[in-house]
């Protein structure tokens, strides 16, 4: 993923400290925010209590990424996203872990982006 296509735009959500945590992480480039329109070939590959998981391509590459979408973006969901970010950071060194790449905003969804091992 190219640095010149990454967006550093501030993500606007409702006001609370968890939203501010995510917004600040994006603004300070701790979490990359990618343009949604650069993803293509979406295919739903799973779902759970918080949302759906899609497989998609980045730009015109043949590499797949997993995008996790969320049914609602409330305080409970945000806390779970932050919890997952922190856990991912602790185990990110291992090859068998699906690596967190960043976030994107698209079509009323907030999505997290992960490498997809196929």
PDB file of N, CA and C in Angstrom:
ATOM      1  N   UNK A   1       0.848  -1.176   0.000  1.00  0.00           N
ATOM      2  CA  UNK A   1       0.000   0.000   0.000  1.00  0.00           C
ATOM      3  C   UNK A   1       0.889   1.234   0.000  1.00  0.00           C
ATOM      4  N   UNK A   2       0.634   2.102  -0.876  1.00  0.00           N
ATOM      5  CA  UNK A   2       1.481   3.257  -1.090  1.00  0.00           C
ATOM      6  C   UNK A   2       1.169   4.375  -0.107  1.00  0.00           C
ATOM      7  N   UNK A   3       2.224   5.015   0.398  1.00  0.00           N
ATOM      8  CA  UNK A   3       2.042   6.122   1.337  1.00  0.00           C
ATOM      9  C   UNK A   3       1.333   7.307   0.709  1.00  0.00           C
ATOM     10  N   UNK A   4       1.499   7.537  -0.592  1.00  0.00           N
ATOM     11  CA  UNK A   4       0.893   8.710  -1.209  1.00  0.00           C
ATOM     12  C   UNK A   4      -0.602   8.551  -1.450  1.00  0.00           C
ATOM     13  N   UNK A   5      -1.171   7.383  -1.196  1.00  0.00           N
ATOM     14  CA  UNK A   5      -2.617   7.225  -1.319  1.00  0.00           C
ATOM     15  C   UNK A   5      -3.294   7.095   0.036  1.00  0.00           C
ATOM     16  N   UNK A   6      -2.515   7.181   1.093  1.00  0.00           N
ATOM     17  CA  UNK A   6      -3.083   7.090   2.426  1.00  0.00           C
ATOM     18  C   UNK A   6      -3.657   8.434   2.823  1.00  0.00           C
ATOM     19  N   UNK A   7      -4.771   8.387   3.528  1.00  0.00           N
ATOM     20  CA  UNK A   7      -5.415   9.615   3.964  1.00  0.00           C
ATOM     21  C   UNK A   7      -5.093   9.858   5.424  1.00  0.00           C
ATOM     22  N   UNK A   8      -4.720  11.072   5.754  1.00  0.00           N
ATOM     23  CA  UNK A   8      -4.495  11.454   7.142  1.00  0.00           C
ATOM     24  C   UNK A   8      -5.674  12.243   7.676  1.00  0.00           C
ATOM     25  N   UNK A   9      -6.802  12.133   6.999  1.00  0.00           N
ATOM     26  CA  UNK A   9      -7.979  12.904   7.391  1.00  0.00           C
ATOM     27  C   UNK A   9      -8.460  12.473   8.767  1.00  0.00           C
ATOM     28  N   UNK A  10      -8.880  13.436   9.542  1.00  0.00           N
ATOM     29  CA  UNK A  10      -9.447  13.174  10.861  1.00  0.00           C
ATOM     30  C   UNK A  10     -10.803  12.515  10.702  1.00  0.00           C
ATOM     31  N   UNK A  11     -10.991  11.397  11.361  1.00  0.00           N
ATOM     32  CA  UNK A  11     -12.248  10.669  11.294  1.00  0.00           C
ATOM     33  C   UNK A  11     -13.186  11.249  12.342  1.00  0.00           C
ATOM     34  N   UNK A  12     -14.369  11.670  11.928  1.00  0.00           N
ATOM     35  CA  UNK A  12     -15.326  12.304  12.831  1.00  0.00           C
ATOM     36  C   UNK A  12     -16.377  11.299  13.288  1.00  0.00           C
ATOM     37  N   UNK A  13     -16.493  11.120  14.566  1.00  0.00           N
ATOM     38  CA  UNK A  13     -17.507  10.269  15.164  1.00  0.00           C
ATOM     39  C   UNK A  13     -18.138  11.053  16.306  1.00  0.00           C
ATOM     40  N   UNK A  14     -19.022  10.436  17.048  1.00  0.00           N
ATOM     41  CA  UNK A  14     -19.609  11.112  18.191  1.00  0.00           C
ATOM     42  C   UNK A  14     -18.538  11.379  19.232  1.00  0.00           C
ATOM     43  N   UNK A  15     -18.766  12.363  20.071  1.00  0.00           N
ATOM     44  CA  UNK A  15     -17.770  12.771  21.047  1.00  0.00           C
ATOM     45  C   UNK A  15     -17.728  11.817  22.241  1.00  0.00           C
ATOM     46  N   UNK A  16     -16.615  11.166  22.459  1.00  0.00           N
ATOM     47  CA  UNK A  16     -16.298  10.456  23.694  1.00  0.00           C
ATOM     48  C   UNK A  16     -14.826  10.091  23.666  1.00  0.00           C
ATOM     49  N   UNK A  17     -14.289   9.664  24.790  1.00  0.00           N
ATOM     50  CA  UNK A  17     -12.849   9.449  24.890  1.00  0.00           C
ATOM     51  C   UNK A  17     -12.351   8.310  24.011  1.00  0.00           C
ATOM     52  N   UNK A  18     -13.157   7.260  23.807  1.00  0.00           N
ATOM     53  CA  UNK A  18     -12.712   6.171  22.940  1.00  0.00           C
ATOM     54  C   UNK A  18     -12.619   6.621  21.490  1.00  0.00           C
ATOM     55  N   UNK A  19     -13.583   7.413  21.038  1.00  0.00           N
ATOM     56  CA  UNK A  19     -13.510   7.960  19.679  1.00  0.00           C
ATOM     57  C   UNK A  19     -12.288   8.840  19.538  1.00  0.00           C
ATOM     58  N   UNK A  20     -12.029   9.642  20.552  1.00  0.00           N
ATOM     59  CA  UNK A  20     -10.876  10.529  20.523  1.00  0.00           C
ATOM     60  C   UNK A  20      -9.579   9.731  20.451  1.00  0.00           C
ATOM     61  N   UNK A  21      -9.534   8.572  21.126  1.00  0.00           N
ATOM     62  CA  UNK A  21      -8.360   7.708  21.098  1.00  0.00           C
ATOM     63  C   UNK A  21      -8.091   7.256  19.665  1.00  0.00           C
ATOM     64  N   UNK A  22      -9.128   6.797  18.962  1.00  0.00           N
ATOM     65  CA  UNK A  22      -8.971   6.348  17.576  1.00  0.00           C
ATOM     66  C   UNK A  22      -8.609   7.521  16.672  1.00  0.00           C
ATOM     67  N   UNK A  23      -9.316   8.647  16.813  1.00  0.00           N
ATOM     68  CA  UNK A  23      -9.029   9.827  15.995  1.00  0.00           C
ATOM     69  C   UNK A  23      -7.588  10.283  16.167  1.00  0.00           C
ATOM     70  N   UNK A  24      -7.124  10.349  17.404  1.00  0.00           N
ATOM     71  CA  UNK A  24      -5.755  10.792  17.674  1.00  0.00           C
ATOM     72  C   UNK A  24      -4.741   9.821  17.077  1.00  0.00           C
ATOM     73  N   UNK A  25      -5.005   8.526  17.181  1.00  0.00           N
ATOM     74  CA  UNK A  25      -4.108   7.513  16.611  1.00  0.00           C
ATOM     75  C   UNK A  25      -4.020   7.649  15.095  1.00  0.00           C
ATOM     76  N   UNK A  26      -5.120   8.000  14.444  1.00  0.00           N
ATOM     77  CA  UNK A  26      -5.115   8.198  12.992  1.00  0.00           C
ATOM     78  C   UNK A  26      -4.354   9.479  12.639  1.00  0.00           C
ATOM     79  N   UNK A  27      -4.644  10.555  13.326  1.00  0.00           N
ATOM     80  CA  UNK A  27      -3.997  11.841  13.047  1.00  0.00           C
ATOM     81  C   UNK A  27      -2.484  11.745  13.242  1.00  0.00           C
ATOM     82  N   UNK A  28      -2.045  11.026  14.283  1.00  0.00           N
ATOM     83  CA  UNK A  28      -0.609  10.905  14.568  1.00  0.00           C
ATOM     84  C   UNK A  28       0.050   9.779  13.771  1.00  0.00           C
ATOM     85  N   UNK A  29      -0.695   9.176  12.840  1.00  0.00           N
ATOM     86  CA  UNK A  29      -0.199   8.090  11.986  1.00  0.00           C
ATOM     87  C   UNK A  29       0.217   6.849  12.756  1.00  0.00           C
ATOM     88  N   UNK A  30      -0.337   6.633  13.931  1.00  0.00           N
ATOM     89  CA  UNK A  30      -0.151   5.360  14.629  1.00  0.00           C
ATOM     90  C   UNK A  30      -1.017   4.303  13.951  1.00  0.00           C
ATOM     91  N   UNK A  31      -2.152   4.734  13.433  1.00  0.00           N
ATOM     92  CA  UNK A  31      -3.057   3.884  12.659  1.00  0.00           C
ATOM     93  C   UNK A  31      -3.217   4.552  11.296  1.00  0.00           C
ATOM     94  N   UNK A  32      -2.947   3.805  10.230  1.00  0.00           N
ATOM     95  CA  UNK A  32      -3.097   4.341   8.882  1.00  0.00           C
ATOM     96  C   UNK A  32      -4.565   4.329   8.485  1.00  0.00           C
ATOM     97  N   UNK A  33      -4.982   5.368   7.771  1.00  0.00           N
ATOM     98  CA  UNK A  33      -6.343   5.462   7.265  1.00  0.00           C
ATOM     99  C   UNK A  33      -6.266   5.479   5.742  1.00  0.00           C
ATOM    100  N   UNK A  34      -6.814   4.433   5.108  1.00  0.00           N
ATOM    101  CA  UNK A  34      -6.735   4.271   3.668  1.00  0.00           C
ATOM    102  C   UNK A  34      -8.037   4.699   3.002  1.00  0.00           C
ATOM    103  N   UNK A  35      -7.933   5.163   1.774  1.00  0.00           N
ATOM    104  CA  UNK A  35      -9.100   5.578   0.997  1.00  0.00           C
ATOM    105  C   UNK A  35      -9.933   4.346   0.635  1.00  0.00           C
ATOM    106  N   UNK A  36     -11.217   4.375   0.929  1.00  0.00           N
ATOM    107  CA  UNK A  36     -12.104   3.240   0.683  1.00  0.00           C
ATOM    108  C   UNK A  36     -12.210   2.906  -0.798  1.00  0.00           C
ATOM    109  N   UNK A  37     -12.178   3.920  -1.660  1.00  0.00           N
ATOM    110  CA  UNK A  37     -12.391   3.682  -3.092  1.00  0.00           C
ATOM    111  C   UNK A  37     -11.232   2.942  -3.762  1.00  0.00           C
ATOM    112  N   UNK A  38     -10.129   2.698  -3.060  1.00  0.00           N
ATOM    113  CA  UNK A  38      -9.030   1.920  -3.613  1.00  0.00           C
ATOM    114  C   UNK A  38      -9.211   0.416  -3.416  1.00  0.00           C
ATOM    115  N   UNK A  39     -10.274   0.001  -2.728  1.00  0.00           N
ATOM    116  CA  UNK A  39     -10.566  -1.416  -2.540  1.00  0.00           C
ATOM    117  C   UNK A  39     -11.581  -1.864  -3.587  1.00  0.00           C
ATOM    118  N   UNK A  40     -11.442  -3.120  -4.022  1.00  0.00           N
ATOM    119  CA  UNK A  40     -12.357  -3.646  -5.035  1.00  0.00           C
ATOM    120  C   UNK A  40     -12.566  -5.138  -4.817  1.00  0.00           C
ATOM    121  N   UNK A  41     -13.476  -5.706  -5.593  1.00  0.00           N
ATOM    122  CA  UNK A  41     -13.748  -7.149  -5.572  1.00  0.00           C
ATOM    123  C   UNK A  41     -14.129  -7.656  -4.171  1.00  0.00           C
ATOM    124  N   UNK A  42     -15.081  -7.004  -3.554  1.00  0.00           N
ATOM    125  CA  UNK A  42     -15.524  -7.386  -2.214  1.00  0.00           C
ATOM    126  C   UNK A  42     -16.273  -8.718  -2.250  1.00  0.00           C
ATOM    127  N   UNK A  43     -15.940  -9.577  -1.303  1.00  0.00           N
ATOM    128  CA  UNK A  43     -16.647 -10.842  -1.150  1.00  0.00           C
ATOM    129  C   UNK A  43     -16.795 -11.107   0.350  1.00  0.00           C
ATOM    130  N   UNK A  44     -18.029 -11.292   0.806  1.00  0.00           N
ATOM    131  CA  UNK A  44     -18.244 -11.573   2.224  1.00  0.00           C
ATOM    132  C   UNK A  44     -17.690 -12.958   2.535  1.00  0.00           C
ATOM    133  N   UNK A  45     -16.863 -13.035   3.598  1.00  0.00           N
ATOM    134  CA  UNK A  45     -16.263 -14.316   3.968  1.00  0.00           C
ATOM    135  C   UNK A  45     -16.616 -14.743   5.387  1.00  0.00           C
ATOM    136  N   UNK A  46     -17.326 -13.897   6.130  1.00  0.00           N
ATOM    137  CA  UNK A  46     -17.707 -14.270   7.486  1.00  0.00           C
ATOM    138  C   UNK A  46     -18.493 -13.175   8.169  1.00  0.00           C
ATOM    139  N   UNK A  47     -19.023 -13.508   9.345  1.00  0.00           N
ATOM    140  CA  UNK A  47     -19.743 -12.527  10.147  1.00  0.00           C
ATOM    141  C   UNK A  47     -19.711 -12.965  11.605  1.00  0.00           C
ATOM    142  N   UNK A  48     -20.022 -12.038  12.463  1.00  0.00           N
ATOM    143  CA  UNK A  48     -20.037 -12.321  13.894  1.00  0.00           C
ATOM    144  C   UNK A  48     -20.948 -11.350  14.602  1.00  0.00           C
ATOM    145  N   UNK A  49     -20.800 -11.265  15.898  1.00  0.00           N
ATOM    146  CA  UNK A  49     -21.663 -10.429  16.704  1.00  0.00           C
ATOM    147  C   UNK A  49     -21.511  -8.940  16.460  1.00  0.00           C
ATOM    148  N   UNK A  50     -20.331  -8.510  16.013  1.00  0.00           N
ATOM    149  CA  UNK A  50     -20.086  -7.087  15.805  1.00  0.00           C
ATOM    150  C   UNK A  50     -20.220  -6.649  14.361  1.00  0.00           C
ATOM    151  N   UNK A  51     -20.107  -7.588  13.407  1.00  0.00           N
ATOM    152  CA  UNK A  51     -20.183  -7.170  12.014  1.00  0.00           C
ATOM    153  C   UNK A  51     -19.848  -8.278  11.053  1.00  0.00           C
ATOM    154  N   UNK A  52     -19.449  -7.873   9.845  1.00  0.00           N
ATOM    155  CA  UNK A  52     -19.121  -8.802   8.765  1.00  0.00           C
ATOM    156  C   UNK A  52     -17.659  -8.648   8.386  1.00  0.00           C
ATOM    157  N   UNK A  53     -17.100  -9.707   7.785  1.00  0.00           N
ATOM    158  CA  UNK A  53     -15.733  -9.680   7.282  1.00  0.00           C
ATOM    159  C   UNK A  53     -15.794  -9.890   5.779  1.00  0.00           C
ATOM    160  N   UNK A  54     -15.085  -9.039   5.057  1.00  0.00           N
ATOM    161  CA  UNK A  54     -15.038  -9.106   3.602  1.00  0.00           C
ATOM    162  C   UNK A  54     -13.604  -9.341   3.144  1.00  0.00           C
ATOM    163  N   UNK A  55     -13.480 -10.035   2.026  1.00  0.00           N
ATOM    164  CA  UNK A  55     -12.207 -10.159   1.336  1.00  0.00           C
ATOM    165  C   UNK A  55     -12.242  -9.137   0.213  1.00  0.00           C
ATOM    166  N   UNK A  56     -11.145  -8.417   0.014  1.00  0.00           N
ATOM    167  CA  UNK A  56     -11.093  -7.402  -1.044  1.00  0.00           C
ATOM    168  C   UNK A  56      -9.671  -7.243  -1.538  1.00  0.00           C
ATOM    169  N   UNK A  57      -9.547  -6.685  -2.731  1.00  0.00           N
ATOM    170  CA  UNK A  57      -8.244  -6.365  -3.302  1.00  0.00           C
ATOM    171  C   UNK A  57      -7.927  -4.899  -3.036  1.00  0.00           C
ATOM    172  N   UNK A  58      -6.644  -4.611  -2.857  1.00  0.00           N
ATOM    173  CA  UNK A  58      -6.152  -3.247  -2.752  1.00  0.00           C
ATOM    174  C   UNK A  58      -5.760  -2.793  -4.144  1.00  0.00           C
ATOM    175  N   UNK A  59      -6.372  -1.722  -4.623  1.00  0.00           N
ATOM    176  CA  UNK A  59      -6.143  -1.182  -5.958  1.00  0.00           C
ATOM    177  C   UNK A  59      -6.288  -2.297  -6.983  1.00  0.00           C
ATOM    178  N   UNK A  60      -5.303  -2.453  -7.856  1.00  0.00           N
ATOM    179  CA  UNK A  60      -5.396  -3.476  -8.893  1.00  0.00           C
ATOM    180  C   UNK A  60      -4.521  -4.689  -8.585  1.00  0.00           C
ATOM    181  N   UNK A  61      -4.092  -4.832  -7.343  1.00  0.00           N
ATOM    182  CA  UNK A  61      -3.227  -5.965  -7.002  1.00  0.00           C
ATOM    183  C   UNK A  61      -4.045  -7.248  -6.891  1.00  0.00           C
ATOM    184  N   UNK A  62      -3.344  -8.348  -6.885  1.00  0.00           N
ATOM    185  CA  UNK A  62      -3.994  -9.646  -6.719  1.00  0.00           C
ATOM    186  C   UNK A  62      -3.919 -10.115  -5.272  1.00  0.00           C
ATOM    187  N   UNK A  63      -3.361  -9.282  -4.409  1.00  0.00           N
ATOM    188  CA  UNK A  63      -3.289  -9.607  -2.983  1.00  0.00           C
ATOM    189  C   UNK A  63      -4.613  -9.277  -2.313  1.00  0.00           C
ATOM    190  N   UNK A  64      -5.060 -10.186  -1.446  1.00  0.00           N
ATOM    191  CA  UNK A  64      -6.311  -9.979  -0.731  1.00  0.00           C
ATOM    192  C   UNK A  64      -6.058  -9.419   0.657  1.00  0.00           C
ATOM    193  N   UNK A  65      -6.976  -8.608   1.094  1.00  0.00           N
ATOM    194  CA  UNK A  65      -6.989  -8.103   2.456  1.00  0.00           C
ATOM    195  C   UNK A  65      -8.332  -8.455   3.068  1.00  0.00           C
ATOM    196  N   UNK A  66      -8.374  -8.559   4.375  1.00  0.00           N
ATOM    197  CA  UNK A  66      -9.639  -8.770   5.078  1.00  0.00           C
ATOM    198  C   UNK A  66     -10.088  -7.425   5.628  1.00  0.00           C
ATOM    199  N   UNK A  67     -11.325  -7.061   5.379  1.00  0.00           N
ATOM    200  CA  UNK A  67     -11.902  -5.833   5.920  1.00  0.00           C
ATOM    201  C   UNK A  67     -13.025  -6.215   6.871  1.00  0.00           C
ATOM    202  N   UNK A  68     -12.891  -5.803   8.119  1.00  0.00           N
ATOM    203  CA  UNK A  68     -13.922  -6.061   9.113  1.00  0.00           C
ATOM    204  C   UNK A  68     -14.829  -4.848   9.200  1.00  0.00           C
ATOM    205  N   UNK A  69     -16.111  -5.049   8.926  1.00  0.00           N
ATOM    206  CA  UNK A  69     -17.081  -3.962   9.048  1.00  0.00           C
ATOM    207  C   UNK A  69     -17.855  -4.172  10.347  1.00  0.00           C
ATOM    208  N   UNK A  70     -18.496  -3.126  10.818  1.00  0.00           N
ATOM    209  CA  UNK A  70     -19.204  -3.185  12.100  1.00  0.00           C
ATOM    210  C   UNK A  70     -20.658  -2.781  11.906  1.00  0.00           C
ATOM    211  N   UNK A  71     -21.568  -3.574  12.519  1.00  0.00           N
ATOM    212  CA  UNK A  71     -23.008  -3.303  12.389  1.00  0.00           C
ATOM    213  C   UNK A  71     -23.366  -1.939  12.965  1.00  0.00           C
ATOM    214  N   UNK A  72     -22.784  -1.600  14.088  1.00  0.00           N
ATOM    215  CA  UNK A  72     -23.020  -0.285  14.681  1.00  0.00           C
ATOM    216  C   UNK A  72     -21.700   0.213  15.233  1.00  0.00           C
ATOM    217  N   UNK A  73     -21.583   1.500  15.310  1.00  0.00           N
ATOM    218  CA  UNK A  73     -20.344   2.098  15.803  1.00  0.00           C
ATOM    219  C   UNK A  73     -20.652   2.808  17.109  1.00  0.00           C
ATOM    220  N   UNK A  74     -20.966   2.004  18.129  1.00  0.00           N
ATOM    221  CA  UNK A  74     -21.280   2.563  19.444  1.00  0.00           C
ATOM    222  C   UNK A  74     -20.084   2.391  20.376  1.00  0.00           C
ATOM    223  N   UNK A  75     -20.229   2.829  21.607  1.00  0.00           N
ATOM    224  CA  UNK A  75     -19.125   2.806  22.556  1.00  0.00           C
ATOM    225  C   UNK A  75     -18.624   1.380  22.815  1.00  0.00           C
ATOM    226  N   UNK A  76     -19.525   0.410  22.863  1.00  0.00           N
ATOM    227  CA  UNK A  76     -19.123  -0.988  23.085  1.00  0.00           C
ATOM    228  C   UNK A  76     -18.262  -1.482  21.935  1.00  0.00           C
ATOM    229  N   UNK A  77     -18.671  -1.193  20.714  1.00  0.00           N
ATOM    230  CA  UNK A  77     -17.902  -1.606  19.538  1.00  0.00           C
ATOM    231  C   UNK A  77     -16.534  -0.946  19.533  1.00  0.00           C
ATOM    232  N   UNK A  78     -16.489   0.336  19.840  1.00  0.00           N
ATOM    233  CA  UNK A  78     -15.226   1.073  19.852  1.00  0.00           C
ATOM    234  C   UNK A  78     -14.275   0.481  20.889  1.00  0.00           C
ATOM    235  N   UNK A  79     -14.799   0.142  22.063  1.00  0.00           N
ATOM    236  CA  UNK A  79     -13.956  -0.476  23.098  1.00  0.00           C
ATOM    237  C   UNK A  79     -13.372  -1.795  22.607  1.00  0.00           C
ATOM    238  N   UNK A  80     -14.161  -2.598  21.897  1.00  0.00           N
ATOM    239  CA  UNK A  80     -13.681  -3.874  21.364  1.00  0.00           C
ATOM    240  C   UNK A  80     -12.622  -3.659  20.281  1.00  0.00           C
ATOM    241  N   UNK A  81     -12.805  -2.636  19.446  1.00  0.00           N
ATOM    242  CA  UNK A  81     -11.814  -2.324  18.413  1.00  0.00           C
ATOM    243  C   UNK A  81     -10.492  -1.934  19.068  1.00  0.00           C
ATOM    244  N   UNK A  82     -10.547  -1.077  20.067  1.00  0.00           N
ATOM    245  CA  UNK A  82      -9.335  -0.650  20.774  1.00  0.00           C
ATOM    246  C   UNK A  82      -8.664  -1.837  21.446  1.00  0.00           C
ATOM    247  N   UNK A  83      -9.458  -2.700  22.060  1.00  0.00           N
ATOM    248  CA  UNK A  83      -8.924  -3.905  22.710  1.00  0.00           C
ATOM    249  C   UNK A  83      -8.196  -4.775  21.681  1.00  0.00           C
ATOM    250  N   UNK A  84      -8.812  -4.948  20.502  1.00  0.00           N
ATOM    251  CA  UNK A  84      -8.179  -5.742  19.446  1.00  0.00           C
ATOM    252  C   UNK A  84      -6.901  -5.084  18.951  1.00  0.00           C
ATOM    253  N   UNK A  85      -6.882  -3.758  18.785  1.00  0.00           N
ATOM    254  CA  UNK A  85      -5.667  -3.047  18.378  1.00  0.00           C
ATOM    255  C   UNK A  85      -4.533  -3.359  19.344  1.00  0.00           C
ATOM    256  N   UNK A  86      -4.821  -3.269  20.634  1.00  0.00           N
ATOM    257  CA  UNK A  86      -3.790  -3.468  21.654  1.00  0.00           C
ATOM    258  C   UNK A  86      -3.283  -4.904  21.659  1.00  0.00           C
ATOM    259  N   UNK A  87      -4.166  -5.869  21.512  1.00  0.00           N
ATOM    260  CA  UNK A  87      -3.761  -7.280  21.458  1.00  0.00           C
ATOM    261  C   UNK A  87      -2.914  -7.534  20.217  1.00  0.00           C
ATOM    262  N   UNK A  88      -3.357  -7.006  19.075  1.00  0.00           N
ATOM    263  CA  UNK A  88      -2.613  -7.176  17.827  1.00  0.00           C
ATOM    264  C   UNK A  88      -1.189  -6.639  17.953  1.00  0.00           C
ATOM    265  N   UNK A  89      -1.045  -5.509  18.599  1.00  0.00           N
ATOM    266  CA  UNK A  89       0.270  -4.888  18.754  1.00  0.00           C
ATOM    267  C   UNK A  89       1.214  -5.786  19.556  1.00  0.00           C
ATOM    268  N   UNK A  90       0.675  -6.525  20.520  1.00  0.00           N
ATOM    269  CA  UNK A  90       1.499  -7.397  21.355  1.00  0.00           C
ATOM    270  C   UNK A  90       1.973  -8.652  20.630  1.00  0.00           C
ATOM    271  N   UNK A  91       1.223  -9.129  19.639  1.00  0.00           N
ATOM    272  CA  UNK A  91       1.562 -10.386  18.968  1.00  0.00           C
ATOM    273  C   UNK A  91       1.907 -10.193  17.497  1.00  0.00           C
ATOM    274  N   UNK A  92       2.089  -8.988  17.047  1.00  0.00           N
ATOM    275  CA  UNK A  92       2.283  -8.669  15.640  1.00  0.00           C
ATOM    276  C   UNK A  92       3.577  -9.231  15.056  1.00  0.00           C
ATOM    277  N   UNK A  93       4.500  -9.663  15.875  1.00  0.00           N
ATOM    278  CA  UNK A  93       5.785 -10.160  15.405  1.00  0.00           C
ATOM    279  C   UNK A  93       5.708 -11.568  14.811  1.00  0.00           C
ATOM    280  N   UNK A  94       4.661 -12.317  15.095  1.00  0.00           N
ATOM    281  CA  UNK A  94       4.588 -13.728  14.706  1.00  0.00           C
ATOM    282  C   UNK A  94       4.012 -13.884  13.300  1.00  0.00           C
ATOM    283  N   UNK A  95       4.593 -14.785  12.504  1.00  0.00           N
ATOM    284  CA  UNK A  95       4.165 -14.985  11.118  1.00  0.00           C
ATOM    285  C   UNK A  95       2.771 -15.581  10.989  1.00  0.00           C
ATOM    286  N   UNK A  96       2.296 -16.295  11.997  1.00  0.00           N
ATOM    287  CA  UNK A  96       0.973 -16.926  11.930  1.00  0.00           C
ATOM    288  C   UNK A  96      -0.153 -16.009  12.372  1.00  0.00           C
ATOM    289  N   UNK A  97       0.144 -14.773  12.658  1.00  0.00           N
ATOM    290  CA  UNK A  97      -0.852 -13.795  13.077  1.00  0.00           C
ATOM    291  C   UNK A  97      -1.252 -12.957  11.862  1.00  0.00           C
ATOM    292  N   UNK A  98      -2.539 -12.775  11.672  1.00  0.00           N
ATOM    293  CA  UNK A  98      -3.017 -11.892  10.611  1.00  0.00           C
ATOM    294  C   UNK A  98      -2.746 -10.461  11.051  1.00  0.00           C
ATOM    295  N   UNK A  99      -1.941  -9.758  10.301  1.00  0.00           N
ATOM    296  CA  UNK A  99      -1.457  -8.443  10.702  1.00  0.00           C
ATOM    297  C   UNK A  99      -2.464  -7.334  10.410  1.00  0.00           C
ATOM    298  N   UNK A 100      -2.592  -6.426  11.344  1.00  0.00           N
ATOM    299  CA  UNK A 100      -3.447  -5.246  11.214  1.00  0.00           C
ATOM    300  C   UNK A 100      -2.735  -4.240  10.326  1.00  0.00           C
ATOM    301  N   UNK A 101      -3.434  -3.723   9.309  1.00  0.00           N
ATOM    302  CA  UNK A 101      -2.846  -2.762   8.370  1.00  0.00           C
ATOM    303  C   UNK A 101      -3.331  -1.337   8.584  1.00  0.00           C
ATOM    304  N   UNK A 102      -4.576  -1.161   9.020  1.00  0.00           N
ATOM    305  CA  UNK A 102      -5.114   0.179   9.186  1.00  0.00           C
ATOM    306  C   UNK A 102      -6.626   0.160   9.167  1.00  0.00           C
ATOM    307  N   UNK A 103      -7.206   1.317   8.875  1.00  0.00           N
ATOM    308  CA  UNK A 103      -8.654   1.469   8.844  1.00  0.00           C
ATOM    309  C   UNK A 103      -9.065   2.189   7.571  1.00  0.00           C
ATOM    310  N   UNK A 104     -10.340   2.103   7.264  1.00  0.00           N
ATOM    311  CA  UNK A 104     -10.926   2.867   6.170  1.00  0.00           C
ATOM    312  C   UNK A 104     -12.369   3.171   6.538  1.00  0.00           C
ATOM    313  N   UNK A 105     -12.917   4.183   5.918  1.00  0.00           N
ATOM    314  CA  UNK A 105     -14.309   4.558   6.138  1.00  0.00           C
ATOM    315  C   UNK A 105     -14.998   4.454   4.791  1.00  0.00           C
ATOM    316  N   UNK A 106     -16.107   3.740   4.732  1.00  0.00           N
ATOM    317  CA  UNK A 106     -16.782   3.637   3.447  1.00  0.00           C
ATOM    318  C   UNK A 106     -18.230   3.289   3.578  1.00  0.00           C
ATOM    319  N   UNK A 107     -19.056   3.957   2.815  1.00  0.00           N
ATOM    320  CA  UNK A 107     -20.482   3.638   2.700  1.00  0.00           C
ATOM    321  C   UNK A 107     -21.111   3.385   4.064  1.00  0.00           C
ATOM    322  N   UNK A 108     -20.932   4.293   4.977  1.00  0.00           N
ATOM    323  CA  UNK A 108     -21.513   4.245   6.325  1.00  0.00           C
ATOM    324  C   UNK A 108     -20.895   3.161   7.197  1.00  0.00           C
ATOM    325  N   UNK A 109     -19.746   2.636   6.811  1.00  0.00           N
ATOM    326  CA  UNK A 109     -19.065   1.625   7.610  1.00  0.00           C
ATOM    327  C   UNK A 109     -17.707   2.132   8.056  1.00  0.00           C
ATOM    328  N   UNK A 110     -17.315   1.741   9.241  1.00  0.00           N
ATOM    329  CA  UNK A 110     -15.945   1.890   9.708  1.00  0.00           C
ATOM    330  C   UNK A 110     -15.355   0.497   9.588  1.00  0.00           C
ATOM    331  N   UNK A 111     -14.223   0.352   8.913  1.00  0.00           N
ATOM    332  CA  UNK A 111     -13.652  -0.967   8.688  1.00  0.00           C
ATOM    333  C   UNK A 111     -12.209  -1.013   9.143  1.00  0.00           C
ATOM    334  N   UNK A 112     -11.808  -2.139   9.727  1.00  0.00           N
ATOM    335  CA  UNK A 112     -10.398  -2.363  10.007  1.00  0.00           C
ATOM    336  C   UNK A 112      -9.852  -3.258   8.906  1.00  0.00           C
ATOM    337  N   UNK A 113      -8.568  -3.087   8.569  1.00  0.00           N
ATOM    338  CA  UNK A 113      -7.942  -3.778   7.448  1.00  0.00           C
ATOM    339  C   UNK A 113      -6.847  -4.694   7.974  1.00  0.00           C
ATOM    340  N   UNK A 114      -6.855  -5.938   7.506  1.00  0.00           N
ATOM    341  CA  UNK A 114      -5.874  -6.931   7.940  1.00  0.00           C
ATOM    342  C   UNK A 114      -5.342  -7.685   6.735  1.00  0.00           C
ATOM    343  N   UNK A 115      -4.074  -8.131   6.819  1.00  0.00           N
ATOM    344  CA  UNK A 115      -3.566  -9.041   5.790  1.00  0.00           C
ATOM    345  C   UNK A 115      -4.391 -10.295   5.828  1.00  0.00           C
ATOM    346  N   UNK A 116      -4.603 -10.907   4.696  1.00  0.00           N
ATOM    347  CA  UNK A 116      -5.402 -12.132   4.622  1.00  0.00           C
ATOM    348  C   UNK A 116      -4.489 -13.249   4.140  1.00  0.00           C
ATOM    349  N   UNK A 117      -4.333 -14.262   4.966  1.00  0.00           N
ATOM    350  CA  UNK A 117      -3.511 -15.407   4.603  1.00  0.00           C
ATOM    351  C   UNK A 117      -4.362 -16.409   3.863  1.00  0.00           C
ATOM    352  N   UNK A 118      -4.024 -16.685   2.622  1.00  0.00           N
ATOM    353  CA  UNK A 118      -4.801 -17.632   1.821  1.00  0.00           C
ATOM    354  C   UNK A 118      -3.925 -18.793   1.425  1.00  0.00           C
TER     355      UNK A 118
END
